[in-house]
N, C-alpha and C. Protein backbone atom coordinates (compact mmCIF):
# COMPACT_ATOMS: atom_id res chain seq x y z
N MET A 1 -154.38 -4.97 -18.95
CA MET A 1 -153.57 -3.51 -18.96
C MET A 1 -154.70 -2.54 -19.05
N ALA A 2 -154.30 -1.59 -18.10
CA ALA A 2 -155.05 -0.49 -17.71
C ALA A 2 -155.31 0.66 -18.91
N MET A 3 -156.39 1.10 -18.85
CA MET A 3 -156.22 2.27 -19.90
C MET A 3 -156.00 3.36 -19.26
N LYS A 4 -155.53 4.17 -20.58
CA LYS A 4 -154.70 5.82 -20.03
C LYS A 4 -156.05 6.44 -19.68
N PRO A 5 -156.18 7.58 -18.73
CA PRO A 5 -157.21 8.50 -18.59
C PRO A 5 -157.55 9.26 -19.75
N GLU A 6 -156.79 9.74 -20.74
CA GLU A 6 -157.06 10.24 -22.28
C GLU A 6 -158.07 9.17 -23.05
N GLU A 7 -157.44 8.07 -23.01
CA GLU A 7 -158.26 7.12 -23.68
C GLU A 7 -159.62 6.77 -23.38
N GLU A 8 -159.73 6.99 -21.91
CA GLU A 8 -161.02 6.44 -21.44
C GLU A 8 -162.08 8.02 -21.58
N HIS A 9 -161.41 9.09 -21.61
CA HIS A 9 -162.01 10.09 -21.62
C HIS A 9 -162.43 10.14 -23.22
N GLU A 10 -161.57 9.94 -23.88
CA GLU A 10 -161.90 10.03 -25.47
C GLU A 10 -163.12 8.91 -26.04
N LEU A 11 -163.31 7.63 -25.33
CA LEU A 11 -164.14 6.63 -25.17
C LEU A 11 -165.21 7.46 -24.64
N ARG A 12 -165.38 7.90 -23.59
CA ARG A 12 -166.83 8.30 -22.95
C ARG A 12 -167.15 9.41 -23.94
N ASP A 13 -166.18 10.01 -24.40
CA ASP A 13 -166.64 11.25 -25.39
C ASP A 13 -167.25 10.56 -26.59
N GLN A 14 -167.08 9.37 -27.41
CA GLN A 14 -167.60 9.15 -28.55
C GLN A 14 -168.79 8.42 -28.03
N LEU A 15 -168.98 7.67 -26.76
CA LEU A 15 -170.04 6.99 -26.56
C LEU A 15 -171.20 7.97 -26.47
N SER A 16 -170.81 9.07 -25.71
CA SER A 16 -171.84 10.18 -25.44
C SER A 16 -172.59 10.47 -26.84
N ARG A 17 -171.81 10.69 -27.74
CA ARG A 17 -171.73 11.39 -29.28
C ARG A 17 -172.93 10.23 -29.63
N LEU A 18 -172.47 8.73 -29.88
CA LEU A 18 -173.02 7.75 -30.55
C LEU A 18 -174.24 7.69 -29.62
N LEU A 19 -174.48 7.87 -28.33
CA LEU A 19 -176.23 7.63 -27.49
C LEU A 19 -177.12 8.71 -28.28
N GLN A 20 -176.13 9.89 -28.24
CA GLN A 20 -177.02 11.24 -28.86
C GLN A 20 -177.57 10.79 -30.28
N GLU A 21 -176.53 10.32 -31.05
CA GLU A 21 -176.95 10.05 -32.32
C GLU A 21 -178.33 8.92 -32.42
N HIS A 22 -177.94 7.91 -31.50
CA HIS A 22 -178.98 6.79 -31.54
C HIS A 22 -180.37 7.60 -31.09
N ARG A 23 -180.32 8.34 -30.32
CA ARG A 23 -181.68 8.98 -29.91
C ARG A 23 -182.32 9.62 -30.64
N ASP A 24 -181.27 10.28 -31.37
CA ASP A 24 -181.81 11.45 -32.83
C ASP A 24 -182.41 10.26 -33.62
N LEU A 25 -182.09 9.46 -33.92
CA LEU A 25 -182.40 8.32 -35.00
C LEU A 25 -183.86 8.07 -34.49
N ASP A 26 -184.17 7.35 -33.23
CA ASP A 26 -185.23 7.19 -32.67
C ASP A 26 -186.26 8.17 -32.90
N SER A 27 -186.00 9.78 -32.92
CA SER A 27 -187.04 10.46 -33.02
C SER A 27 -187.12 10.42 -34.63
N ALA A 28 -186.39 10.77 -35.62
CA ALA A 28 -186.46 10.59 -37.05
C ALA A 28 -187.20 9.61 -37.51
N ILE A 29 -186.84 8.66 -36.86
CA ILE A 29 -187.88 7.33 -37.56
C ILE A 29 -188.98 6.98 -37.04
N GLU A 30 -189.38 7.69 -35.56
CA GLU A 30 -191.06 7.82 -35.34
C GLU A 30 -191.56 9.07 -36.27
N ALA A 31 -190.95 9.97 -36.72
CA ALA A 31 -191.58 11.02 -37.04
C ALA A 31 -191.91 10.38 -38.76
N LEU A 32 -191.19 10.19 -39.44
CA LEU A 32 -190.94 9.54 -40.80
C LEU A 32 -192.31 8.46 -40.71
N GLN A 33 -192.05 7.68 -39.71
CA GLN A 33 -193.40 6.60 -39.43
C GLN A 33 -194.85 7.18 -39.62
N VAL A 34 -194.75 8.40 -38.95
CA VAL A 34 -196.25 9.09 -38.67
C VAL A 34 -196.52 9.77 -39.71
N ALA A 35 -195.89 10.21 -40.31
CA ALA A 35 -195.90 11.17 -41.80
C ALA A 35 -196.70 10.13 -42.70
N ALA A 36 -197.66 10.84 -43.34
CA ALA A 36 -198.35 10.12 -44.29
C ALA A 36 -197.24 10.25 -45.61
N GLY A 37 -197.41 9.11 -46.15
CA GLY A 37 -196.46 8.87 -47.59
C GLY A 37 -195.04 9.03 -47.22
N SER A 38 -194.61 8.27 -46.02
CA SER A 38 -193.44 8.21 -45.95
C SER A 38 -192.65 7.50 -46.60
N ASP A 39 -191.34 7.64 -46.87
CA ASP A 39 -190.25 6.83 -47.40
C ASP A 39 -189.89 5.47 -46.68
N VAL A 40 -190.44 4.49 -46.96
CA VAL A 40 -189.98 3.17 -46.52
C VAL A 40 -188.23 2.89 -46.55
N LEU A 41 -188.25 3.30 -47.51
CA LEU A 41 -186.64 3.06 -47.80
C LEU A 41 -185.66 3.65 -46.73
N GLN A 42 -186.23 5.05 -46.75
CA GLN A 42 -185.07 5.73 -45.87
C GLN A 42 -185.40 5.67 -44.24
N VAL A 43 -186.70 4.91 -44.00
CA VAL A 43 -186.92 4.41 -42.47
C VAL A 43 -185.82 3.15 -42.37
N GLN A 44 -185.97 2.41 -43.47
CA GLN A 44 -185.02 0.90 -43.29
C GLN A 44 -183.67 1.55 -42.96
N ARG A 45 -183.07 2.66 -43.82
CA ARG A 45 -181.81 2.82 -43.91
C ARG A 45 -181.53 3.42 -42.18
N LEU A 46 -182.46 4.27 -41.96
CA LEU A 46 -182.24 4.50 -40.46
C LEU A 46 -181.93 3.61 -39.60
N LYS A 47 -182.96 2.73 -39.45
CA LYS A 47 -183.27 1.70 -38.77
C LYS A 47 -181.89 0.90 -38.80
N LYS A 48 -181.30 0.69 -39.80
CA LYS A 48 -180.22 -0.11 -40.33
C LYS A 48 -178.78 0.46 -39.38
N ARG A 49 -178.75 2.05 -39.55
CA ARG A 49 -177.56 2.83 -38.77
C ARG A 49 -178.02 2.70 -37.56
N LYS A 50 -179.13 2.80 -36.95
CA LYS A 50 -179.47 2.52 -35.93
C LYS A 50 -178.84 1.34 -35.18
N LEU A 51 -178.99 0.27 -35.79
CA LEU A 51 -178.52 -1.13 -35.33
C LEU A 51 -176.79 -1.06 -35.69
N TYR A 52 -176.46 -0.55 -36.21
CA TYR A 52 -174.76 -0.21 -36.18
C TYR A 52 -174.24 0.64 -35.07
N LEU A 53 -175.04 1.76 -34.76
CA LEU A 53 -174.89 2.60 -33.63
C LEU A 53 -174.90 1.72 -32.40
N ARG A 54 -176.05 0.93 -32.15
CA ARG A 54 -176.14 -0.17 -31.10
C ARG A 54 -174.98 -0.94 -30.61
N ASP A 55 -174.54 -1.61 -32.05
CA ASP A 55 -173.26 -2.42 -32.01
C ASP A 55 -171.96 -1.55 -31.34
N ARG A 56 -171.81 -0.41 -32.09
CA ARG A 56 -170.73 0.47 -31.65
C ARG A 56 -170.64 0.63 -30.01
N ILE A 57 -171.84 1.50 -29.83
CA ILE A 57 -172.22 1.50 -28.18
C ILE A 57 -172.02 0.26 -27.37
N SER A 58 -172.35 -0.54 -27.55
CA SER A 58 -172.04 -2.01 -26.86
C SER A 58 -170.62 -2.44 -26.74
N PHE A 59 -169.77 -2.14 -27.93
CA PHE A 59 -168.38 -2.57 -28.18
C PHE A 59 -167.69 -1.12 -26.90
N ILE A 60 -168.32 -0.11 -26.98
CA ILE A 60 -167.09 0.82 -26.35
C ILE A 60 -167.82 0.70 -24.92
N GLU A 61 -169.15 0.50 -24.43
CA GLU A 61 -169.46 0.29 -22.97
C GLU A 61 -168.58 -1.26 -23.07
N ASP A 62 -168.12 -2.46 -23.59
CA ASP A 62 -167.39 -3.21 -23.07
C ASP A 62 -166.10 -3.09 -23.16
N GLN A 63 -165.54 -2.20 -23.77
CA GLN A 63 -163.97 -1.57 -23.71
C GLN A 63 -163.82 -0.69 -22.20
N LEU A 64 -165.00 -0.26 -21.81
CA LEU A 64 -164.74 0.68 -20.64
C LEU A 64 -165.12 0.01 -19.24
N THR A 65 -165.67 -1.48 -19.37
CA THR A 65 -166.09 -2.12 -18.30
C THR A 65 -164.84 -2.89 -18.18
N PRO A 66 -164.36 -2.80 -16.64
CA PRO A 66 -163.05 -3.61 -16.86
C PRO A 66 -163.21 -5.03 -16.70
N ASP A 67 -162.56 -5.90 -16.93
CA ASP A 67 -162.71 -7.26 -16.85
C ASP A 67 -162.37 -7.79 -15.45
N ILE A 68 -163.44 -8.84 -15.29
CA ILE A 68 -163.36 -9.32 -13.56
C ILE A 68 -163.14 -10.72 -13.75
N ILE A 69 -162.10 -11.38 -13.40
CA ILE A 69 -162.03 -12.47 -13.36
C ILE A 69 -162.25 -13.28 -12.03
N ALA A 70 -163.03 -14.06 -12.14
CA ALA A 70 -163.80 -15.30 -11.61
C ALA A 70 -162.93 -16.19 -10.97
């Protein structure tokens, strides 16, 4: 079943936001790891969030990629 253009646009917007948040987390994690006396627990939480985002990104990319029947 084909996706409606509005649904595809919404998914692409969501994908864009998730990718941006993923990049922002990269920067935040790097900054915390470089800082002296950084909060290890905070870094772990950010990494966990980043993994969750990666899963969501993959899921949305799969929805946007058409199924090819061989």
